[in-house]
């Protein structure tokens, strides 16, 4: 019985470490995603400005699809 409890405690400790590692990974990915979203917004804004500067109309990203 004592060996079984020890094994369960080891398993719980291992799972706790894995959860901590995964939490760190998710937090890092959240930061990376926020950076990428900001960069994408900048790229989309620059592209829209470029399209307007070239004499285009409303940027495609701001137009409603034809089925609307």
C-alpha atoms as a PDB file:
ATOM      1  CA  UNK A   1       0.000   0.000   0.000  1.00  0.00           C
ATOM      2  CA  UNK A   2       2.838   2.408   0.876  1.00  0.00           C
ATOM      3  CA  UNK A   3       4.545   1.831  -2.491  1.00  0.00           C
ATOM      4  CA  UNK A   4       1.286   2.597  -4.266  1.00  0.00           C
ATOM      5  CA  UNK A   5       0.885   5.906  -2.447  1.00  0.00           C
ATOM      6  CA  UNK A   6       4.487   6.810  -3.236  1.00  0.00           C
ATOM      7  CA  UNK A   7       3.934   6.023  -6.923  1.00  0.00           C
ATOM      8  CA  UNK A   8       0.801   8.195  -6.961  1.00  0.00           C
ATOM      9  CA  UNK A   9       2.669  11.052  -5.285  1.00  0.00           C
ATOM     10  CA  UNK A  10       5.435  10.784  -7.882  1.00  0.00           C
ATOM     11  CA  UNK A  11       2.861  10.800 -10.658  1.00  0.00           C
ATOM     12  CA  UNK A  12       1.123  13.846  -9.178  1.00  0.00           C
ATOM     13  CA  UNK A  13       4.459  15.683  -8.912  1.00  0.00           C
ATOM     14  CA  UNK A  14       5.316  14.807 -12.514  1.00  0.00           C
ATOM     15  CA  UNK A  15       1.911  15.969 -13.758  1.00  0.00           C
ATOM     16  CA  UNK A  16       2.282  19.193 -11.784  1.00  0.00           C
ATOM     17  CA  UNK A  17       5.602  19.866 -13.496  1.00  0.00           C
ATOM     18  CA  UNK A  18       4.087  19.166 -16.906  1.00  0.00           C
ATOM     19  CA  UNK A  19       1.194  21.531 -16.195  1.00  0.00           C
ATOM     20  CA  UNK A  20       3.645  24.265 -15.165  1.00  0.00           C
ATOM     21  CA  UNK A  21       5.677  23.737 -18.348  1.00  0.00           C
ATOM     22  CA  UNK A  22       2.556  23.868 -20.521  1.00  0.00           C
ATOM     23  CA  UNK A  23       1.371  26.987 -18.742  1.00  0.00           C
ATOM     24  CA  UNK A  24       4.671  28.700 -19.520  1.00  0.00           C
ATOM     25  CA  UNK A  25       4.409  27.655 -23.162  1.00  0.00           C
ATOM     26  CA  UNK A  26       0.855  28.968 -23.472  1.00  0.00           C
ATOM     27  CA  UNK A  27       1.838  32.279 -21.856  1.00  0.00           C
ATOM     28  CA  UNK A  28       4.746  32.658 -24.293  1.00  0.00           C
ATOM     29  CA  UNK A  29       2.531  31.836 -27.263  1.00  0.00           C
ATOM     30  CA  UNK A  30      -0.033  34.391 -26.102  1.00  0.00           C
ATOM     31  CA  UNK A  31       2.649  37.092 -26.132  1.00  0.00           C
ATOM     32  CA  UNK A  32       3.885  35.990 -29.552  1.00  0.00           C
ATOM     33  CA  UNK A  33       0.336  35.994 -30.907  1.00  0.00           C
ATOM     34  CA  UNK A  34      -0.255  39.529 -29.615  1.00  0.00           C
ATOM     35  CA  UNK A  35       2.929  40.709 -31.348  1.00  0.00           C
ATOM     36  CA  UNK A  36       1.936  39.009 -34.596  1.00  0.00           C
ATOM     37  CA  UNK A  37      -1.559  40.506 -34.457  1.00  0.00           C
ATOM     38  CA  UNK A  38      -0.100  43.999 -34.029  1.00  0.00           C
ATOM     39  CA  UNK A  39       2.288  43.413 -36.925  1.00  0.00           C
ATOM     40  CA  UNK A  40      -0.524  42.135 -39.129  1.00  0.00           C
ATOM     41  CA  UNK A  41      -2.632  45.196 -38.332  1.00  0.00           C
ATOM     42  CA  UNK A  42       0.303  47.417 -39.345  1.00  0.00           C
ATOM     43  CA  UNK A  43       0.770  45.505 -42.602  1.00  0.00           C
ATOM     44  CA  UNK A  44      -2.951  45.696 -43.403  1.00  0.00           C
ATOM     45  CA  UNK A  45      -2.999  49.440 -42.707  1.00  0.00           C
ATOM     46  CA  UNK A  46       0.053  50.035 -44.907  1.00  0.00           C
ATOM     47  CA  UNK A  47      -1.468  47.997 -47.714  1.00  0.00           C
ATOM     48  CA  UNK A  48      -4.736  49.920 -47.480  1.00  0.00           C
ATOM     49  CA  UNK A  49      -2.830  53.220 -47.615  1.00  0.00           C
ATOM     50  CA  UNK A  50      -0.831  51.993 -50.598  1.00  0.00           C
ATOM     51  CA  UNK A  51      -3.983  50.964 -52.456  1.00  0.00           C
ATOM     52  CA  UNK A  52      -5.562  54.363 -51.860  1.00  0.00           C
ATOM     53  CA  UNK A  53      -2.371  56.195 -52.860  1.00  0.00           C
ATOM     54  CA  UNK A  54      -2.324  54.315 -56.164  1.00  0.00           C
ATOM     55  CA  UNK A  55      -5.771  55.644 -56.979  1.00  0.00           C
ATOM     56  CA  UNK A  56      -7.651  52.598 -55.850  1.00  0.00           C
ATOM     57  CA  UNK A  57     -11.032  52.651 -54.230  1.00  0.00           C
ATOM     58  CA  UNK A  58     -11.940  51.223 -50.875  1.00  0.00           C
ATOM     59  CA  UNK A  59      -9.417  48.547 -49.836  1.00  0.00           C
ATOM     60  CA  UNK A  60     -10.687  45.030 -50.390  1.00  0.00           C
ATOM     61  CA  UNK A  61     -10.508  44.301 -46.700  1.00  0.00           C
ATOM     62  CA  UNK A  62     -13.156  46.980 -46.097  1.00  0.00           C
ATOM     63  CA  UNK A  63     -15.522  45.911 -48.866  1.00  0.00           C
ATOM     64  CA  UNK A  64     -18.499  43.678 -48.256  1.00  0.00           C
ATOM     65  CA  UNK A  65     -18.526  40.412 -50.209  1.00  0.00           C
ATOM     66  CA  UNK A  66     -20.746  40.361 -53.297  1.00  0.00           C
ATOM     67  CA  UNK A  67     -23.303  38.027 -51.717  1.00  0.00           C
ATOM     68  CA  UNK A  68     -24.223  40.615 -49.025  1.00  0.00           C
END
